[in-house]
Protein backbone atom coordinates (compact mmCIF):
# COMPACT_ATOMS: atom_id res chain seq x y z
CA UNK A 1 -104.46 124.08 107.70
CA UNK A 2 -102.87 121.09 109.43
CA UNK A 3 -102.14 121.10 113.14
CA UNK A 4 -98.47 121.21 114.12
CA UNK A 5 -99.18 119.16 117.25
CA UNK A 6 -98.17 115.52 117.35
CA UNK A 7 -101.21 113.19 117.62
CA UNK A 8 -101.63 111.36 120.90
CA UNK A 9 -100.81 107.67 121.06
CA UNK A 10 -103.45 105.00 121.53
CA UNK A 11 -104.55 104.76 125.18
CA UNK A 12 -104.81 107.23 128.02
CA UNK A 13 -104.06 110.91 127.56
CA UNK A 14 -100.57 111.80 128.84
CA UNK A 15 -100.81 112.80 132.50
CA UNK A 16 -99.24 116.23 131.95
CA UNK A 17 -101.78 117.24 129.29
CA UNK A 18 -104.70 115.80 131.22
CA UNK A 19 -103.71 117.70 134.37
CA UNK A 20 -103.53 120.91 132.33
CA UNK A 21 -106.94 120.35 130.76
CA UNK A 22 -108.51 119.61 134.15
CA UNK A 23 -106.98 122.77 135.62
CA UNK A 24 -108.12 124.95 132.74
CA UNK A 25 -111.63 123.63 132.19
CA UNK A 26 -113.13 122.61 135.55
CA UNK A 27 -114.66 124.66 138.35
CA UNK A 28 -114.92 124.06 142.08
CA UNK A 29 -118.12 123.30 143.97
CA UNK A 30 -118.32 122.80 147.75
CA UNK A 31 -120.51 119.72 147.27
CA UNK A 32 -117.87 118.05 145.11
CA UNK A 33 -115.78 116.24 147.72
CA UNK A 34 -113.51 114.56 145.16
CA UNK A 35 -113.38 115.99 141.66
CA UNK A 36 -111.32 115.14 138.59
CA UNK A 37 -107.61 114.62 139.15
CA UNK A 38 -104.69 112.37 138.29
CA UNK A 39 -105.07 109.12 140.20
CA UNK A 40 -108.63 109.82 141.39
CA UNK A 41 -110.85 107.55 139.31
CA UNK A 42 -114.27 108.39 140.79
CA UNK A 43 -116.10 111.57 141.69
CA UNK A 44 -117.55 111.96 145.19
CA UNK A 45 -120.61 114.17 145.73
CA UNK A 46 -122.08 115.34 149.04
CA UNK A 47 -125.85 114.73 149.09
CA UNK A 48 -126.39 115.33 152.80
CA UNK A 49 -126.35 112.23 154.98
CA UNK A 50 -124.10 110.27 152.61
CA UNK A 51 -121.76 110.62 149.68
CA UNK A 52 -122.64 109.50 146.16
CA UNK A 53 -119.70 108.08 144.22
CA UNK A 54 -119.81 108.25 140.40
CA UNK A 55 -117.54 106.49 137.94
CA UNK A 56 -117.59 106.25 134.14
CA UNK A 57 -115.34 104.02 132.05
CA UNK A 58 -115.50 102.51 128.54
CA UNK A 59 -114.68 99.03 127.31
CA UNK A 60 -112.72 99.31 124.08
CA UNK A 61 -110.08 96.54 123.99
CA UNK A 62 -112.25 93.56 124.92
CA UNK A 63 -115.14 92.25 122.84
CA UNK A 64 -116.04 88.95 124.54
CA UNK A 65 -118.39 89.33 127.52
CA UNK A 66 -118.22 93.09 127.07
CA UNK A 67 -121.33 93.83 129.16
CA UNK A 68 -119.92 91.87 132.10
CA UNK A 69 -116.62 93.73 131.74
CA UNK A 70 -118.30 97.14 131.72
CA UNK A 71 -120.03 96.56 135.03
CA UNK A 72 -117.00 95.19 136.83
CA UNK A 73 -114.41 97.78 135.79
CA UNK A 74 -116.74 100.58 136.89
CA UNK A 75 -117.72 98.82 140.12
CA UNK A 76 -114.02 98.43 140.92
CA UNK A 77 -113.37 102.16 140.98
CA UNK A 78 -116.46 102.79 143.08
CA UNK A 79 -115.35 100.12 145.56
CA UNK A 80 -111.91 101.75 145.78
CA UNK A 81 -113.55 104.71 147.54
CA UNK A 82 -114.99 102.42 150.22
CA UNK A 83 -118.44 102.71 148.62
CA UNK A 84 -120.92 100.00 147.68
CA UNK A 85 -121.82 99.86 143.95
CA UNK A 86 -125.58 100.46 143.61
CA UNK A 87 -126.76 101.74 140.21
CA UNK A 88 -125.39 101.18 136.71
CA UNK A 89 -126.01 103.05 133.45
CA UNK A 90 -124.67 101.94 130.08
CA UNK A 91 -124.22 103.56 126.68
CA UNK A 92 -123.93 100.83 124.04
CA UNK A 93 -122.54 101.82 120.63
CA UNK A 94 -123.16 98.92 118.25
CA UNK A 95 -121.59 98.27 114.81
CA UNK A 96 -123.79 98.76 111.77
CA UNK A 97 -124.56 95.67 109.68
CA UNK A 98 -123.41 93.43 112.52
CA UNK A 99 -125.65 94.34 115.45
CA UNK A 100 -128.69 92.10 115.77
CA UNK A 101 -131.06 90.90 118.47
CA UNK A 102 -128.73 88.07 119.48
CA UNK A 103 -125.79 90.44 120.06
CA UNK A 104 -127.85 92.96 122.03
CA UNK A 105 -129.60 90.34 124.15
CA UNK A 106 -126.22 88.82 124.96
CA UNK A 107 -124.90 92.17 126.17
CA UNK A 108 -127.97 92.75 128.35
CA UNK A 109 -127.60 89.27 129.86
CA UNK A 110 -123.94 89.97 130.62
CA UNK A 111 -124.80 93.28 132.29
CA UNK A 112 -127.51 91.65 134.42
CA UNK A 113 -125.17 88.83 135.52
CA UNK A 114 -122.41 91.23 136.52
CA UNK A 115 -124.81 93.59 138.32
CA UNK A 116 -126.08 90.64 140.35
CA UNK A 117 -122.48 89.77 141.26
CA UNK A 118 -121.65 93.23 142.64
CA UNK A 119 -125.07 94.06 144.09
CA UNK A 120 -126.01 96.78 141.59
CA UNK A 121 -129.03 97.48 139.37
CA UNK A 122 -129.17 98.57 135.72
CA UNK A 123 -131.10 101.84 135.85
CA UNK A 124 -130.60 103.51 132.47
CA UNK A 125 -128.36 104.38 129.56
CA UNK A 126 -128.53 104.58 125.77
CA UNK A 127 -128.22 102.22 122.78
CA UNK A 128 -127.58 103.00 119.13
CA UNK A 129 -126.24 101.49 115.92
CA UNK A 130 -123.16 103.58 115.19
CA UNK A 131 -121.36 104.30 111.91
CA UNK A 132 -117.72 103.27 111.54
CA UNK A 133 -117.44 100.63 114.27
CA UNK A 134 -116.21 97.09 113.70
CA UNK A 135 -117.15 95.93 117.24
CA UNK A 136 -119.39 97.04 120.11
CA UNK A 137 -118.12 99.77 122.43
CA UNK A 138 -119.72 100.16 125.85
CA UNK A 139 -119.41 103.14 128.16
CA UNK A 140 -120.53 102.32 131.69
CA UNK A 141 -121.36 104.59 134.62
CA UNK A 142 -121.59 103.16 138.12
CA UNK A 143 -123.05 105.04 141.07
CA UNK A 144 -122.44 103.99 144.65
CA UNK A 145 -122.88 105.37 148.14
CA UNK A 146 -120.68 105.58 151.20
CA UNK A 147 -120.90 107.00 154.70
CA UNK A 148 -118.68 110.12 154.83
CA UNK A 149 -116.64 108.56 157.64
CA UNK A 150 -115.85 105.57 155.43
CA UNK A 151 -114.62 107.44 152.35
CA UNK A 152 -111.24 106.33 150.98
CA UNK A 153 -109.33 108.33 148.34
CA UNK A 154 -106.20 107.70 146.31
CA UNK A 155 -104.71 110.84 147.83
CA UNK A 156 -104.81 109.53 151.41
CA UNK A 157 -101.43 107.74 151.45
CA UNK A 158 -99.15 108.91 154.29
CA UNK A 159 -95.39 108.80 154.73
CA UNK A 160 -94.41 105.52 156.41
CA UNK A 161 -97.51 103.58 155.33
CA UNK A 162 -97.26 100.09 153.86
CA UNK A 163 -98.30 99.36 150.27
CA UNK A 164 -100.25 96.11 149.81
CA UNK A 165 -101.12 94.44 146.50
CA UNK A 166 -103.80 91.78 146.04
CA UNK A 167 -103.72 88.86 143.59
CA UNK A 168 -101.04 89.36 140.91
CA UNK A 169 -100.39 91.88 138.18
CA UNK A 170 -101.80 91.97 134.65
CA UNK A 171 -104.71 89.57 135.21
CA UNK A 172 -106.84 91.41 132.67
CA UNK A 173 -103.98 91.78 130.21
CA UNK A 174 -103.31 88.04 130.35
CA UNK A 175 -106.92 87.30 129.46
CA UNK A 176 -107.00 89.83 126.63
CA UNK A 177 -103.82 88.46 125.04
CA UNK A 178 -105.15 84.91 125.19
CA UNK A 179 -108.55 85.86 123.77
CA UNK A 180 -107.37 88.20 121.03
CA UNK A 181 -104.34 86.13 119.96
CA UNK A 182 -105.84 82.68 120.41
CA UNK A 183 -105.27 81.47 116.85
CA UNK A 184 -101.70 82.74 116.80
CA UNK A 185 -100.92 81.15 120.17
CA UNK A 186 -102.30 77.78 119.13
CA UNK A 187 -101.30 77.54 115.47
CA UNK A 188 -98.05 79.47 115.16
CA UNK A 189 -96.58 79.51 118.65
CA UNK A 190 -97.63 76.02 119.69
CA UNK A 191 -99.20 76.76 123.06
CA UNK A 192 -101.36 73.94 124.47
CA UNK A 193 -105.09 74.58 124.18
CA UNK A 194 -105.66 74.07 127.92
CA UNK A 195 -103.04 76.76 128.67
CA UNK A 196 -104.73 79.26 126.36
CA UNK A 197 -108.16 78.44 127.82
CA UNK A 198 -106.85 78.94 131.34
CA UNK A 199 -105.38 82.31 130.43
CA UNK A 200 -108.61 83.33 128.66
CA UNK A 201 -110.46 82.55 131.87
CA UNK A 202 -108.30 84.86 134.00
CA UNK A 203 -111.08 87.47 133.91
CA UNK A 204 -113.14 85.04 136.03
CA UNK A 205 -110.40 83.20 137.93
CA UNK A 206 -108.48 84.85 139.61
CA UNK A 207 -110.94 87.45 138.28
CA UNK A 208 -110.89 91.16 137.47
CA UNK A 209 -113.20 92.27 140.29
CA UNK A 210 -111.68 93.96 143.37
CA UNK A 211 -115.01 94.73 145.05
CA UNK A 212 -114.71 91.92 147.60
CA UNK A 213 -111.07 92.76 148.35
CA UNK A 214 -111.90 96.42 148.97
CA UNK A 215 -114.77 95.49 151.28
CA UNK A 216 -112.63 93.04 153.29
CA UNK A 217 -109.86 95.60 153.68
CA UNK A 218 -112.22 98.37 154.80
CA UNK A 219 -113.89 96.03 157.29
CA UNK A 220 -110.50 95.10 158.76
CA UNK A 221 -108.82 98.46 159.33
CA UNK A 222 -108.80 102.12 158.37
CA UNK A 223 -107.52 102.12 154.80
CA UNK A 224 -105.64 105.30 153.94
CA UNK A 225 -105.77 104.91 150.15
CA UNK A 226 -106.95 102.46 147.48
CA UNK A 227 -106.33 102.34 143.75
CA UNK A 228 -106.95 99.60 141.19
CA UNK A 229 -104.34 99.23 138.46
CA UNK A 230 -106.01 99.28 135.06
CA UNK A 231 -104.72 100.80 131.82
CA UNK A 232 -100.96 101.28 132.03
CA UNK A 233 -100.60 98.45 134.52
CA UNK A 234 -99.16 98.43 138.02
CA UNK A 235 -96.42 100.92 137.16
CA UNK A 236 -98.90 103.57 136.03
CA UNK A 237 -101.14 102.93 139.04
CA UNK A 238 -98.21 103.46 141.42
CA UNK A 239 -97.27 106.72 139.72
CA UNK A 240 -100.91 107.84 139.87
CA UNK A 241 -101.13 107.00 143.56
CA UNK A 242 -97.93 108.92 144.32
CA UNK A 243 -99.11 111.91 142.28
CA UNK A 244 -102.53 112.02 143.94
CA UNK A 245 -101.09 111.82 147.46
CA UNK A 246 -97.97 113.91 146.69
CA UNK A 247 -95.71 111.24 148.17
CA UNK A 248 -92.87 109.01 147.08
CA UNK A 249 -92.92 105.23 146.98
CA UNK A 250 -90.34 102.49 147.42
CA UNK A 251 -91.49 99.27 145.77
CA UNK A 252 -89.77 95.89 146.18
CA UNK A 253 -89.79 94.22 142.77
CA UNK A 254 -89.33 90.72 144.23
CA UNK A 255 -92.47 91.12 146.37
CA UNK A 256 -94.77 91.82 143.40
CA UNK A 257 -96.56 88.59 142.35
CA UNK A 258 -96.65 87.81 138.63
CA UNK A 259 -98.43 84.73 137.31
CA UNK A 260 -96.32 82.28 135.30
CA UNK A 261 -98.99 82.41 132.58
CA UNK A 262 -98.62 86.18 132.39
CA UNK A 263 -94.85 85.99 132.10
CA UNK A 264 -95.10 83.40 129.35
CA UNK A 265 -97.52 85.42 127.21
CA UNK A 266 -95.63 88.66 127.79
CA UNK A 267 -92.38 87.00 126.74
CA UNK A 268 -94.07 85.64 123.60
CA UNK A 269 -95.09 89.14 122.46
CA UNK A 270 -92.24 91.11 124.08
CA UNK A 271 -94.54 92.98 126.48
CA UNK A 272 -93.66 94.24 129.95
CA UNK A 273 -96.16 92.95 132.56
CA UNK A 274 -95.57 96.05 134.73
CA UNK A 275 -97.21 98.19 132.04
CA UNK A 276 -99.96 95.76 131.03
CA UNK A 277 -103.64 96.45 131.75
CA UNK A 278 -104.23 95.02 135.19
CA UNK A 279 -107.82 94.97 136.48
CA UNK A 280 -108.02 92.33 139.20
CA UNK A 281 -105.24 93.73 141.39
CA UNK A 282 -105.93 96.19 144.20
CA UNK A 283 -103.41 98.59 145.72
CA UNK A 284 -104.04 99.25 149.40
CA UNK A 285 -102.19 101.75 151.56
CA UNK A 286 -102.48 101.16 155.30
CA UNK A 287 -100.61 101.89 158.50
CA UNK A 288 -97.57 99.62 158.67
CA UNK A 289 -98.85 98.14 161.95
CA UNK A 290 -102.03 97.00 160.16
CA UNK A 291 -100.46 95.58 157.00
CA UNK A 292 -100.10 91.93 158.01
CA UNK A 293 -103.55 91.93 159.61
CA UNK A 294 -105.07 93.14 156.35
CA UNK A 295 -103.13 90.53 154.35
CA UNK A 296 -104.33 87.78 156.69
CA UNK A 297 -107.96 88.92 156.43
CA UNK A 298 -107.72 88.94 152.63
CA UNK A 299 -106.15 85.48 152.52
CA UNK A 300 -108.89 84.18 154.82
CA UNK A 301 -111.31 85.41 152.13
CA UNK A 302 -109.30 83.47 149.48
CA UNK A 303 -107.72 86.65 148.12
CA UNK A 304 -103.94 86.59 147.87
CA UNK A 305 -102.18 89.67 149.23
CA UNK A 306 -98.61 90.82 149.86
CA UNK A 307 -96.81 93.88 151.18
CA UNK A 308 -94.86 95.22 148.19
CA UNK A 309 -93.39 98.46 149.52
CA UNK A 310 -93.79 101.58 151.56
CA UNK A 311 -94.70 105.26 151.24
CA UNK A 312 -91.68 107.57 151.23
CA UNK A 313 -91.11 111.33 151.13
CA UNK A 314 -92.22 112.99 147.92
CA UNK A 315 -88.71 114.09 146.98
CA UNK A 316 -87.61 110.45 146.80
CA UNK A 317 -89.80 109.86 143.75
CA UNK A 318 -91.19 106.44 142.87
CA UNK A 319 -88.41 103.89 143.24
CA UNK A 320 -88.15 100.22 142.35
CA UNK A 321 -85.83 98.06 144.43
CA UNK A 322 -84.54 94.81 142.95
CA UNK A 323 -81.87 92.22 143.68
CA UNK A 324 -80.51 89.09 142.08
CA UNK A 325 -81.22 86.62 144.89
CA UNK A 326 -82.75 86.09 148.32
CA UNK A 327 -79.31 85.97 149.91
CA UNK A 328 -78.37 89.36 148.46
CA UNK A 329 -81.66 90.80 149.72
CA UNK A 330 -80.91 89.50 153.21
CA UNK A 331 -77.58 91.30 153.04
CA UNK A 332 -79.33 94.49 151.99
CA UNK A 333 -77.74 94.43 148.52
CA UNK A 334 -80.69 95.73 146.51
CA UNK A 335 -80.30 98.01 143.53
CA UNK A 336 -82.64 100.98 143.28
CA UNK A 337 -83.88 102.77 140.18
CA UNK A 338 -86.83 104.92 139.17
CA UNK A 339 -89.97 102.93 138.45
CA UNK A 340 -90.51 102.87 134.67
CA UNK A 341 -93.22 105.04 133.15
CA UNK A 342 -95.38 103.75 130.30
CA UNK A 343 -96.70 106.36 127.88
CA UNK A 344 -99.39 103.90 126.85
CA UNK A 345 -100.53 100.47 127.90
CA UNK A 346 -98.44 97.56 126.69
CA UNK A 347 -101.57 95.92 125.25
CA UNK A 348 -101.68 98.69 122.65
CA UNK A 349 -98.39 97.41 121.20
CA UNK A 350 -100.03 94.03 120.71
CA UNK A 351 -102.79 95.62 118.63
CA UNK A 352 -100.26 97.73 116.73
CA UNK A 353 -98.54 94.53 115.63
C-alpha cells in the first residue's frame, strides 16, 4: 500500500515537521542543558565542572577534501556555543568498487590536517564499504568543552541587540558550484580558469571555518547568541535564530556582504545567494553598545565583519529592509518585506539540473 504523504525534498527536513518529531520523540534530562531544537545545532551536557558540547553533521554535497570539510563544519557548530573543539569521531561510508587505499588514506590525511587546524584529535568512528553509493559520505561528530559561564546558545538573542555577520554569504556554496560545475563553467559558459580556481578555493580563502571568529568575539565581549549559516543559507539561519530565541529580526539587505564571485556564479545558474549553503559566515548577536567593538576586534584578526540588523519584538517577524540607493537610505526611504524562506538549499537546484 503506497503512502499518501508527499515525499520530502532534497535537503533539510521542513522545520515544522522536525519540530513535531522532536516534541514527540525526545525526553528531558536535567543534565541536558541544550537539547535538540530548531536553530540549536549542538547538544550541551553537564558533566560537573564543565559542559561537554556535542555536534554531528554529514558531508553529502562535497566530494573534494571531504575529510577536511567534515572536521570544519562540525567544529564550527561547537565553536558557536563558545566551546573549544577537542575530540572528533568520523563514520566513513565508502563506495563499492571505487574505494581503495589511496582514497581512504587521502581522507585520513584530510581529517588529520583539519583537526590540527582547529586543535582537535581524531578519537574514533567507523569505516565501511557501502552498497549503492557513487561517492564517499562522511558523518562527523565533534566534541568540545566550555566553562558553564562561557556558554553561548542560539536562543540567547535579546530585543534591541545588534546582529553582526562575518565575512560574506555563501562562501561554501560558491566553492561547491565552482568545483562541481567546473567543466560547464569553463567550456560552455566561458569563465576564465583563474576565476574558477579562485572560486574553488573559497573553502580555504576566505575559508569555511568560523572557529577563530567565534573565539575572537567571545574574548571581546559577552556574546548573547551565535549561529553559523549552513544549509539553507543566511536566510534560513536568520529564521532559525529568530525561532530559537522567540524574537523578531530586522535585517538591512544593503549591509549584507556578498562576494562578486558569488553573485556571478549565482546569476549563471539562477540561484539566490541568500538561500545558498553558507559555511564561513558567522552570525553574532551582541549588545548594541558592543557591536562596533566586536567588529573592530574581528577586523584586527583579519576577519571582515559588519552590523547587518537588529533584534526586534517577536510579533514583528523576520523582516528584510532594502532601498534603491544610499541617498534614499539616508532619507529613511527603505522598503520592508518578510525575509524569504527557502524550503531547501539553493545548491539542491543545481544538482537537480
